[in-house]
Amino acid sequence: MATSKSSGSTRLGRDSNPKYLGVKKYAGQTVKAGQVVIRQRGTKFIAGTNVRKGADDTLYAAKDGTVSFKTKRVKRYNGTQRIAKIVNVG
């Protein structure tokens, strides 16, 4: 006979690590080449001048400079439009 009550295994209790997404450098801040400006999933922000997009959609600076943001209407391939947030380093 067991001396303590059996505790069944639970299917819950798992949790993933946080991904730390979001804007890392804001407008007016200086960046060096290669520094991450925005971590994102999908293309919420679009790479502008002197900004490159990584394989996981991360935007990083291609040259040294200051970060600036701009909004612009962009036409999609099916004819609809959306307001795009563009990140520039200049």
PDB file of N, CA and C in Angstrom:
ATOM      1  N   MET A   1       0.839  -1.177   0.000  1.00  0.00           N
ATOM      2  CA  MET A   1       0.000   0.000   0.000  1.00  0.00           C
ATOM      3  C   MET A   1       0.886   1.244   0.000  1.00  0.00           C
ATOM      4  N   ALA A   2       0.489   2.219  -0.809  1.00  0.00           N
ATOM      5  CA  ALA A   2       1.279   3.446  -0.944  1.00  0.00           C
ATOM      6  C   ALA A   2       1.135   4.306   0.304  1.00  0.00           C
ATOM      7  N   THR A   3       2.240   4.952   0.681  1.00  0.00           N
ATOM      8  CA  THR A   3       2.195   5.818   1.862  1.00  0.00           C
ATOM      9  C   THR A   3       1.699   7.209   1.528  1.00  0.00           C
ATOM     10  N   SER A   4       1.786   7.611   0.268  1.00  0.00           N
ATOM     11  CA  SER A   4       1.257   8.923  -0.120  1.00  0.00           C
ATOM     12  C   SER A   4       0.360   8.751  -1.330  1.00  0.00           C
ATOM     13  N   LYS A   5      -0.563   9.678  -1.453  1.00  0.00           N
ATOM     14  CA  LYS A   5      -1.506   9.620  -2.561  1.00  0.00           C
ATOM     15  C   LYS A   5      -0.762   9.877  -3.873  1.00  0.00           C
ATOM     16  N   SER A   6      -1.092   9.106  -4.872  1.00  0.00           N
ATOM     17  CA  SER A   6      -0.440   9.247  -6.162  1.00  0.00           C
ATOM     18  C   SER A   6      -0.852  10.561  -6.816  1.00  0.00           C
ATOM     19  N   SER A   7       0.141  11.315  -7.291  1.00  0.00           N
ATOM     20  CA  SER A   7      -0.169  12.550  -7.999  1.00  0.00           C
ATOM     21  C   SER A   7      -0.050  12.279  -9.487  1.00  0.00           C
ATOM     22  N   GLY A   8      -1.139  12.400 -10.197  1.00  0.00           N
ATOM     23  CA  GLY A   8      -1.151  12.112 -11.624  1.00  0.00           C
ATOM     24  C   GLY A   8      -0.402  13.168 -12.411  1.00  0.00           C
ATOM     25  N   SER A   9       0.069  12.775 -13.562  1.00  0.00           N
ATOM     26  CA  SER A   9       0.790  13.733 -14.398  1.00  0.00           C
ATOM     27  C   SER A   9      -0.221  14.648 -15.075  1.00  0.00           C
ATOM     28  N   THR A  10       0.123  15.888 -15.174  1.00  0.00           N
ATOM     29  CA  THR A  10      -0.782  16.864 -15.777  1.00  0.00           C
ATOM     30  C   THR A  10      -0.372  17.145 -17.208  1.00  0.00           C
ATOM     31  N   ARG A  11      -1.347  17.472 -18.036  1.00  0.00           N
ATOM     32  CA  ARG A  11      -1.032  17.826 -19.417  1.00  0.00           C
ATOM     33  C   ARG A  11      -0.725  19.310 -19.541  1.00  0.00           C
ATOM     34  N   LEU A  12      -1.010  20.060 -18.521  1.00  0.00           N
ATOM     35  CA  LEU A  12      -0.715  21.490 -18.539  1.00  0.00           C
ATOM     36  C   LEU A  12       0.700  21.710 -18.005  1.00  0.00           C
ATOM     37  N   GLY A  13       1.043  22.941 -17.698  1.00  0.00           N
ATOM     38  CA  GLY A  13       2.327  23.207 -17.067  1.00  0.00           C
ATOM     39  C   GLY A  13       3.446  23.548 -18.017  1.00  0.00           C
ATOM     40  N   ARG A  14       3.181  23.515 -19.326  1.00  0.00           N
ATOM     41  CA  ARG A  14       4.220  23.894 -20.278  1.00  0.00           C
ATOM     42  C   ARG A  14       4.021  25.348 -20.661  1.00  0.00           C
ATOM     43  N   ASP A  15       5.085  26.038 -20.857  1.00  0.00           N
ATOM     44  CA  ASP A  15       5.004  27.430 -21.283  1.00  0.00           C
ATOM     45  C   ASP A  15       6.246  27.747 -22.096  1.00  0.00           C
ATOM     46  N   SER A  16       6.075  28.513 -23.175  1.00  0.00           N
ATOM     47  CA  SER A  16       7.212  28.845 -24.029  1.00  0.00           C
ATOM     48  C   SER A  16       7.892  30.111 -23.526  1.00  0.00           C
ATOM     49  N   ASN A  17       9.134  30.264 -23.900  1.00  0.00           N
ATOM     50  CA  ASN A  17       9.884  31.455 -23.529  1.00  0.00           C
ATOM     51  C   ASN A  17       9.348  32.664 -24.287  1.00  0.00           C
ATOM     52  N   PRO A  18       9.398  33.859 -23.696  1.00  0.00           N
ATOM     53  CA  PRO A  18       8.958  35.046 -24.408  1.00  0.00           C
ATOM     54  C   PRO A  18       9.894  35.358 -25.571  1.00  0.00           C
ATOM     55  N   LYS A  19       9.347  35.920 -26.624  1.00  0.00           N
ATOM     56  CA  LYS A  19      10.128  36.152 -27.841  1.00  0.00           C
ATOM     57  C   LYS A  19      10.715  37.553 -27.924  1.00  0.00           C
ATOM     58  N   TYR A  20      10.366  38.447 -27.021  1.00  0.00           N
ATOM     59  CA  TYR A  20      10.951  39.792 -26.949  1.00  0.00           C
ATOM     60  C   TYR A  20      10.849  40.535 -28.279  1.00  0.00           C
ATOM     61  N   LEU A  21       9.635  40.560 -28.834  1.00  0.00           N
ATOM     62  CA  LEU A  21       9.401  41.253 -30.092  1.00  0.00           C
ATOM     63  C   LEU A  21       9.151  42.733 -29.840  1.00  0.00           C
ATOM     64  N   GLY A  22       9.199  43.525 -30.887  1.00  0.00           N
ATOM     65  CA  GLY A  22       8.845  44.936 -30.778  1.00  0.00           C
ATOM     66  C   GLY A  22       9.941  45.862 -31.282  1.00  0.00           C
ATOM     67  N   VAL A  23       9.685  47.151 -31.105  1.00  0.00           N
ATOM     68  CA  VAL A  23      10.626  48.185 -31.547  1.00  0.00           C
ATOM     69  C   VAL A  23      11.772  48.264 -30.545  1.00  0.00           C
ATOM     70  N   LYS A  24      12.993  48.165 -31.026  1.00  0.00           N
ATOM     71  CA  LYS A  24      14.185  48.225 -30.158  1.00  0.00           C
ATOM     72  C   LYS A  24      14.843  49.602 -30.188  1.00  0.00           C
ATOM     73  N   LYS A  25      14.763  50.278 -31.309  1.00  0.00           N
ATOM     74  CA  LYS A  25      15.329  51.629 -31.448  1.00  0.00           C
ATOM     75  C   LYS A  25      14.229  52.545 -31.978  1.00  0.00           C
ATOM     76  N   TYR A  26      14.007  53.655 -31.297  1.00  0.00           N
ATOM     77  CA  TYR A  26      12.925  54.557 -31.639  1.00  0.00           C
ATOM     78  C   TYR A  26      13.433  55.712 -32.501  1.00  0.00           C
ATOM     79  N   ALA A  27      12.522  56.539 -33.004  1.00  0.00           N
ATOM     80  CA  ALA A  27      12.858  57.646 -33.896  1.00  0.00           C
ATOM     81  C   ALA A  27      13.803  58.616 -33.200  1.00  0.00           C
ATOM     82  N   GLY A  28      14.856  59.006 -33.905  1.00  0.00           N
ATOM     83  CA  GLY A  28      15.832  59.940 -33.355  1.00  0.00           C
ATOM     84  C   GLY A  28      17.012  59.266 -32.691  1.00  0.00           C
ATOM     85  N   GLN A  29      16.917  57.978 -32.411  1.00  0.00           N
ATOM     86  CA  GLN A  29      18.041  57.278 -31.792  1.00  0.00           C
ATOM     87  C   GLN A  29      19.051  56.891 -32.858  1.00  0.00           C
ATOM     88  N   THR A  30      20.331  56.890 -32.472  1.00  0.00           N
ATOM     89  CA  THR A  30      21.390  56.523 -33.423  1.00  0.00           C
ATOM     90  C   THR A  30      21.620  55.021 -33.371  1.00  0.00           C
ATOM     91  N   VAL A  31      21.925  54.452 -34.526  1.00  0.00           N
ATOM     92  CA  VAL A  31      22.217  53.024 -34.634  1.00  0.00           C
ATOM     93  C   VAL A  31      23.495  52.833 -35.432  1.00  0.00           C
ATOM     94  N   LYS A  32      24.144  51.735 -35.174  1.00  0.00           N
ATOM     95  CA  LYS A  32      25.303  51.329 -35.957  1.00  0.00           C
ATOM     96  C   LYS A  32      24.864  50.235 -36.926  1.00  0.00           C
ATOM     97  N   ALA A  33      25.657  50.011 -37.953  1.00  0.00           N
ATOM     98  CA  ALA A  33      25.320  49.004 -38.951  1.00  0.00           C
ATOM     99  C   ALA A  33      25.209  47.631 -38.302  1.00  0.00           C
ATOM    100  N   GLY A  34      24.128  46.940 -38.588  1.00  0.00           N
ATOM    101  CA  GLY A  34      23.903  45.604 -38.047  1.00  0.00           C
ATOM    102  C   GLY A  34      23.040  45.562 -36.802  1.00  0.00           C
ATOM    103  N   GLN A  35      22.789  46.716 -36.187  1.00  0.00           N
ATOM    104  CA  GLN A  35      21.961  46.732 -34.984  1.00  0.00           C
ATOM    105  C   GLN A  35      20.496  46.507 -35.332  1.00  0.00           C
ATOM    106  N   VAL A  36      19.810  45.748 -34.476  1.00  0.00           N
ATOM    107  CA  VAL A  36      18.399  45.445 -34.684  1.00  0.00           C
ATOM    108  C   VAL A  36      17.571  46.686 -34.361  1.00  0.00           C
ATOM    109  N   VAL A  37      16.684  47.039 -35.282  1.00  0.00           N
ATOM    110  CA  VAL A  37      15.786  48.169 -35.071  1.00  0.00           C
ATOM    111  C   VAL A  37      14.428  47.654 -34.589  1.00  0.00           C
ATOM    112  N   ILE A  38      13.896  46.617 -35.243  1.00  0.00           N
ATOM    113  CA  ILE A  38      12.591  46.051 -34.881  1.00  0.00           C
ATOM    114  C   ILE A  38      12.638  44.534 -35.014  1.00  0.00           C
ATOM    115  N   ARG A  39      12.123  43.845 -33.998  1.00  0.00           N
ATOM    116  CA  ARG A  39      11.876  42.407 -34.090  1.00  0.00           C
ATOM    117  C   ARG A  39      10.389  42.219 -34.279  1.00  0.00           C
ATOM    118  N   GLN A  40      10.000  41.450 -35.301  1.00  0.00           N
ATOM    119  CA  GLN A  40       8.584  41.306 -35.602  1.00  0.00           C
ATOM    120  C   GLN A  40       8.295  39.944 -36.211  1.00  0.00           C
ATOM    121  N   ARG A  41       7.026  39.588 -36.215  1.00  0.00           N
ATOM    122  CA  ARG A  41       6.538  38.413 -36.928  1.00  0.00           C
ATOM    123  C   ARG A  41       5.661  38.929 -38.056  1.00  0.00           C
ATOM    124  N   GLY A  42       6.021  38.613 -39.278  1.00  0.00           N
ATOM    125  CA  GLY A  42       5.328  39.200 -40.410  1.00  0.00           C
ATOM    126  C   GLY A  42       5.892  40.575 -40.691  1.00  0.00           C
ATOM    127  N   THR A  43       5.296  41.280 -41.642  1.00  0.00           N
ATOM    128  CA  THR A  43       5.830  42.581 -42.039  1.00  0.00           C
ATOM    129  C   THR A  43       4.907  43.690 -41.552  1.00  0.00           C
ATOM    130  N   LYS A  44       4.851  43.874 -40.257  1.00  0.00           N
ATOM    131  CA  LYS A  44       4.100  44.991 -39.685  1.00  0.00           C
ATOM    132  C   LYS A  44       4.788  46.308 -40.056  1.00  0.00           C
ATOM    133  N   PHE A  45       6.120  46.318 -40.014  1.00  0.00           N
ATOM    134  CA  PHE A  45       6.926  47.448 -40.457  1.00  0.00           C
ATOM    135  C   PHE A  45       7.668  47.024 -41.718  1.00  0.00           C
ATOM    136  N   ILE A  46       7.880  47.972 -42.624  1.00  0.00           N
ATOM    137  CA  ILE A  46       8.554  47.692 -43.888  1.00  0.00           C
ATOM    138  C   ILE A  46       9.926  48.354 -43.876  1.00  0.00           C
ATOM    139  N   ALA A  47      10.913  47.679 -44.427  1.00  0.00           N
ATOM    140  CA  ALA A  47      12.278  48.210 -44.477  1.00  0.00           C
ATOM    141  C   ALA A  47      12.362  49.333 -45.506  1.00  0.00           C
ATOM    142  N   GLY A  48      12.901  50.484 -45.083  1.00  0.00           N
ATOM    143  CA  GLY A  48      13.089  51.632 -45.970  1.00  0.00           C
ATOM    144  C   GLY A  48      14.547  51.756 -46.357  1.00  0.00           C
ATOM    145  N   THR A  49      15.029  52.992 -46.449  1.00  0.00           N
ATOM    146  CA  THR A  49      16.408  53.223 -46.865  1.00  0.00           C
ATOM    147  C   THR A  49      17.367  52.836 -45.754  1.00  0.00           C
ATOM    148  N   ASN A  50      18.433  52.170 -46.126  1.00  0.00           N
ATOM    149  CA  ASN A  50      19.498  51.704 -45.230  1.00  0.00           C
ATOM    150  C   ASN A  50      18.992  50.752 -44.144  1.00  0.00           C
ATOM    151  N   VAL A  51      17.894  50.066 -44.403  1.00  0.00           N
ATOM    152  CA  VAL A  51      17.361  49.062 -43.480  1.00  0.00           C
ATOM    153  C   VAL A  51      17.164  47.777 -44.263  1.00  0.00           C
ATOM    154  N   ARG A  52      17.560  46.658 -43.693  1.00  0.00           N
ATOM    155  CA  ARG A  52      17.420  45.350 -44.339  1.00  0.00           C
ATOM    156  C   ARG A  52      16.508  44.468 -43.499  1.00  0.00           C
ATOM    157  N   LYS A  53      15.897  43.459 -44.152  1.00  0.00           N
ATOM    158  CA  LYS A  53      14.987  42.542 -43.487  1.00  0.00           C
ATOM    159  C   LYS A  53      15.639  41.165 -43.385  1.00  0.00           C
ATOM    160  N   GLY A  54      15.678  40.605 -42.177  1.00  0.00           N
ATOM    161  CA  GLY A  54      16.253  39.290 -41.962  1.00  0.00           C
ATOM    162  C   GLY A  54      15.276  38.183 -42.320  1.00  0.00           C
ATOM    163  N   ALA A  55      15.713  36.943 -42.186  1.00  0.00           N
ATOM    164  CA  ALA A  55      14.885  35.789 -42.538  1.00  0.00           C
ATOM    165  C   ALA A  55      13.664  35.661 -41.636  1.00  0.00           C
ATOM    166  N   ASP A  56      13.760  36.116 -40.389  1.00  0.00           N
ATOM    167  CA  ASP A  56      12.619  36.063 -39.467  1.00  0.00           C
ATOM    168  C   ASP A  56      11.897  37.410 -39.413  1.00  0.00           C
ATOM    169  N   ASP A  57      12.002  38.205 -40.486  1.00  0.00           N
ATOM    170  CA  ASP A  57      11.347  39.511 -40.638  1.00  0.00           C
ATOM    171  C   ASP A  57      11.899  40.578 -39.703  1.00  0.00           C
ATOM    172  N   THR A  58      13.034  40.327 -39.068  1.00  0.00           N
ATOM    173  CA  THR A  58      13.676  41.333 -38.226  1.00  0.00           C
ATOM    174  C   THR A  58      14.267  42.428 -39.107  1.00  0.00           C
ATOM    175  N   LEU A  59      14.051  43.682 -38.726  1.00  0.00           N
ATOM    176  CA  LEU A  59      14.619  44.806 -39.460  1.00  0.00           C
ATOM    177  C   LEU A  59      15.876  45.283 -38.754  1.00  0.00           C
ATOM    178  N   TYR A  60      16.953  45.443 -39.497  1.00  0.00           N
ATOM    179  CA  TYR A  60      18.222  45.880 -38.920  1.00  0.00           C
ATOM    180  C   TYR A  60      18.856  46.943 -39.802  1.00  0.00           C
ATOM    181  N   ALA A  61      19.718  47.744 -39.206  1.00  0.00           N
ATOM    182  CA  ALA A  61      20.347  48.859 -39.916  1.00  0.00           C
ATOM    183  C   ALA A  61      21.457  48.347 -40.826  1.00  0.00           C
ATOM    184  N   ALA A  62      21.485  48.881 -42.034  1.00  0.00           N
ATOM    185  CA  ALA A  62      22.540  48.528 -42.977  1.00  0.00           C
ATOM    186  C   ALA A  62      23.709  49.508 -42.893  1.00  0.00           C
ATOM    187  N   LYS A  63      23.455  50.738 -42.403  1.00  0.00           N
ATOM    188  CA  LYS A  63      24.493  51.751 -42.246  1.00  0.00           C
ATOM    189  C   LYS A  63      24.305  52.448 -40.910  1.00  0.00           C
ATOM    190  N   ASP A  64      25.333  53.160 -40.481  1.00  0.00           N
ATOM    191  CA  ASP A  64      25.210  53.988 -39.285  1.00  0.00           C
ATOM    192  C   ASP A  64      24.295  55.176 -39.581  1.00  0.00           C
ATOM    193  N   GLY A  65      23.539  55.602 -38.577  1.00  0.00           N
ATOM    194  CA  GLY A  65      22.678  56.764 -38.762  1.00  0.00           C
ATOM    195  C   GLY A  65      21.624  56.846 -37.683  1.00  0.00           C
ATOM    196  N   THR A  66      20.609  57.686 -37.917  1.00  0.00           N
ATOM    197  CA  THR A  66      19.513  57.853 -36.963  1.00  0.00           C
ATOM    198  C   THR A  66      18.248  57.228 -37.541  1.00  0.00           C
ATOM    199  N   VAL A  67      17.435  56.679 -36.660  1.00  0.00           N
ATOM    200  CA  VAL A  67      16.212  55.992 -37.056  1.00  0.00           C
ATOM    201  C   VAL A  67      15.104  57.014 -37.275  1.00  0.00           C
ATOM    202  N   SER A  68      14.312  56.809 -38.328  1.00  0.00           N
ATOM    203  CA  SER A  68      13.125  57.627 -38.555  1.00  0.00           C
ATOM    204  C   SER A  68      12.010  56.725 -39.074  1.00  0.00           C
ATOM    205  N   PHE A  69      10.771  57.107 -38.759  1.00  0.00           N
ATOM    206  CA  PHE A  69       9.605  56.346 -39.174  1.00  0.00           C
ATOM    207  C   PHE A  69       8.745  57.208 -40.084  1.00  0.00           C
ATOM    208  N   LYS A  70       8.022  56.554 -41.002  1.00  0.00           N
ATOM    209  CA  LYS A  70       7.168  57.261 -41.939  1.00  0.00           C
ATOM    210  C   LYS A  70       5.992  56.352 -42.275  1.00  0.00           C
ATOM    211  N   THR A  71       4.809  56.923 -42.439  1.00  0.00           N
ATOM    212  CA  THR A  71       3.665  56.125 -42.885  1.00  0.00           C
ATOM    213  C   THR A  71       3.347  56.494 -44.321  1.00  0.00           C
ATOM    214  N   LYS A  72       2.871  55.494 -45.067  1.00  0.00           N
ATOM    215  CA  LYS A  72       2.624  55.685 -46.483  1.00  0.00           C
ATOM    216  C   LYS A  72       1.558  54.685 -46.929  1.00  0.00           C
ATOM    217  N   ARG A  73       0.718  55.084 -47.853  1.00  0.00           N
ATOM    218  CA  ARG A  73      -0.254  54.148 -48.412  1.00  0.00           C
ATOM    219  C   ARG A  73       0.443  53.279 -49.449  1.00  0.00           C
ATOM    220  N   VAL A  74       0.274  51.959 -49.309  1.00  0.00           N
ATOM    221  CA  VAL A  74       0.901  51.018 -50.234  1.00  0.00           C
ATOM    222  C   VAL A  74      -0.199  50.191 -50.881  1.00  0.00           C
ATOM    223  N   LYS A  75      -0.144  50.082 -52.200  1.00  0.00           N
ATOM    224  CA  LYS A  75      -1.134  49.297 -52.921  1.00  0.00           C
ATOM    225  C   LYS A  75      -0.695  47.837 -52.952  1.00  0.00           C
ATOM    226  N   ARG A  76      -1.614  46.959 -52.597  1.00  0.00           N
ATOM    227  CA  ARG A  76      -1.329  45.523 -52.626  1.00  0.00           C
ATOM    228  C   ARG A  76      -1.546  44.987 -54.040  1.00  0.00           C
ATOM    229  N   TYR A  77      -1.209  43.717 -54.235  1.00  0.00           N
ATOM    230  CA  TYR A  77      -1.311  43.115 -55.559  1.00  0.00           C
ATOM    231  C   TYR A  77      -2.755  42.911 -56.005  1.00  0.00           C
ATOM    232  N   ASN A  78      -3.692  42.791 -55.046  1.00  0.00           N
ATOM    233  CA  ASN A  78      -5.091  42.597 -55.418  1.00  0.00           C
ATOM    234  C   ASN A  78      -5.843  43.925 -55.565  1.00  0.00           C
ATOM    235  N   GLY A  79      -5.134  45.060 -55.521  1.00  0.00           N
ATOM    236  CA  GLY A  79      -5.747  46.353 -55.736  1.00  0.00           C
ATOM    237  C   GLY A  79      -6.123  47.096 -54.463  1.00  0.00           C
ATOM    238  N   THR A  80      -6.173  46.411 -53.317  1.00  0.00           N
ATOM    239  CA  THR A  80      -6.511  47.089 -52.069  1.00  0.00           C
ATOM    240  C   THR A  80      -5.293  47.857 -51.557  1.00  0.00           C
ATOM    241  N   GLN A  81      -5.540  48.771 -50.625  1.00  0.00           N
ATOM    242  CA  GLN A  81      -4.463  49.572 -50.063  1.00  0.00           C
ATOM    243  C   GLN A  81      -4.365  49.344 -48.572  1.00  0.00           C
ATOM    244  N   ARG A  82      -3.174  49.580 -48.026  1.00  0.00           N
ATOM    245  CA  ARG A  82      -2.985  49.562 -46.588  1.00  0.00           C
ATOM    246  C   ARG A  82      -1.997  50.649 -46.224  1.00  0.00           C
ATOM    247  N   ILE A  83      -2.087  51.086 -44.966  1.00  0.00           N
ATOM    248  CA  ILE A  83      -1.140  52.087 -44.479  1.00  0.00           C
ATOM    249  C   ILE A  83       0.076  51.334 -43.952  1.00  0.00           C
ATOM    250  N   ALA A  84       1.216  51.567 -44.576  1.00  0.00           N
ATOM    251  CA  ALA A  84       2.447  50.866 -44.206  1.00  0.00           C
ATOM    252  C   ALA A  84       3.314  51.778 -43.362  1.00  0.00           C
ATOM    253  N   LYS A  85       3.937  51.191 -42.347  1.00  0.00           N
ATOM    254  CA  LYS A  85       4.891  51.921 -41.510  1.00  0.00           C
ATOM    255  C   LYS A  85       6.287  51.572 -42.020  1.00  0.00           C
ATOM    256  N   ILE A  86       7.005  52.580 -42.474  1.00  0.00           N
ATOM    257  CA  ILE A  86       8.320  52.378 -43.086  1.00  0.00           C
ATOM    258  C   ILE A  86       9.393  52.879 -42.126  1.00  0.00           C
ATOM    259  N   VAL A  87      10.456  52.099 -41.987  1.00  0.00           N
ATOM    260  CA  VAL A  87      11.565  52.422 -41.105  1.00  0.00           C
ATOM    261  C   VAL A  87      12.761  52.815 -41.964  1.00  0.00           C
ATOM    262  N   ASN A  88      13.341  53.984 -41.683  1.00  0.00           N
ATOM    263  CA  ASN A  88      14.510  54.463 -42.423  1.00  0.00           C
ATOM    264  C   ASN A  88      15.655  54.733 -41.456  1.00  0.00           C
ATOM    265  N   VAL A  89      16.880  54.580 -41.956  1.00  0.00           N
ATOM    266  CA  VAL A  89      18.073  54.992 -41.208  1.00  0.00           C
ATOM    267  C   VAL A  89      18.822  55.942 -42.119  1.00  0.00           C
ATOM    268  N   GLY A  90      19.046  57.146 -41.614  1.00  0.00           N
ATOM    269  CA  GLY A  90      19.697  58.114 -42.478  1.00  0.00           C
ATOM    270  C   GLY A  90      20.667  59.004 -41.750  1.00  0.00           C
TER     271      GLY A  90
END
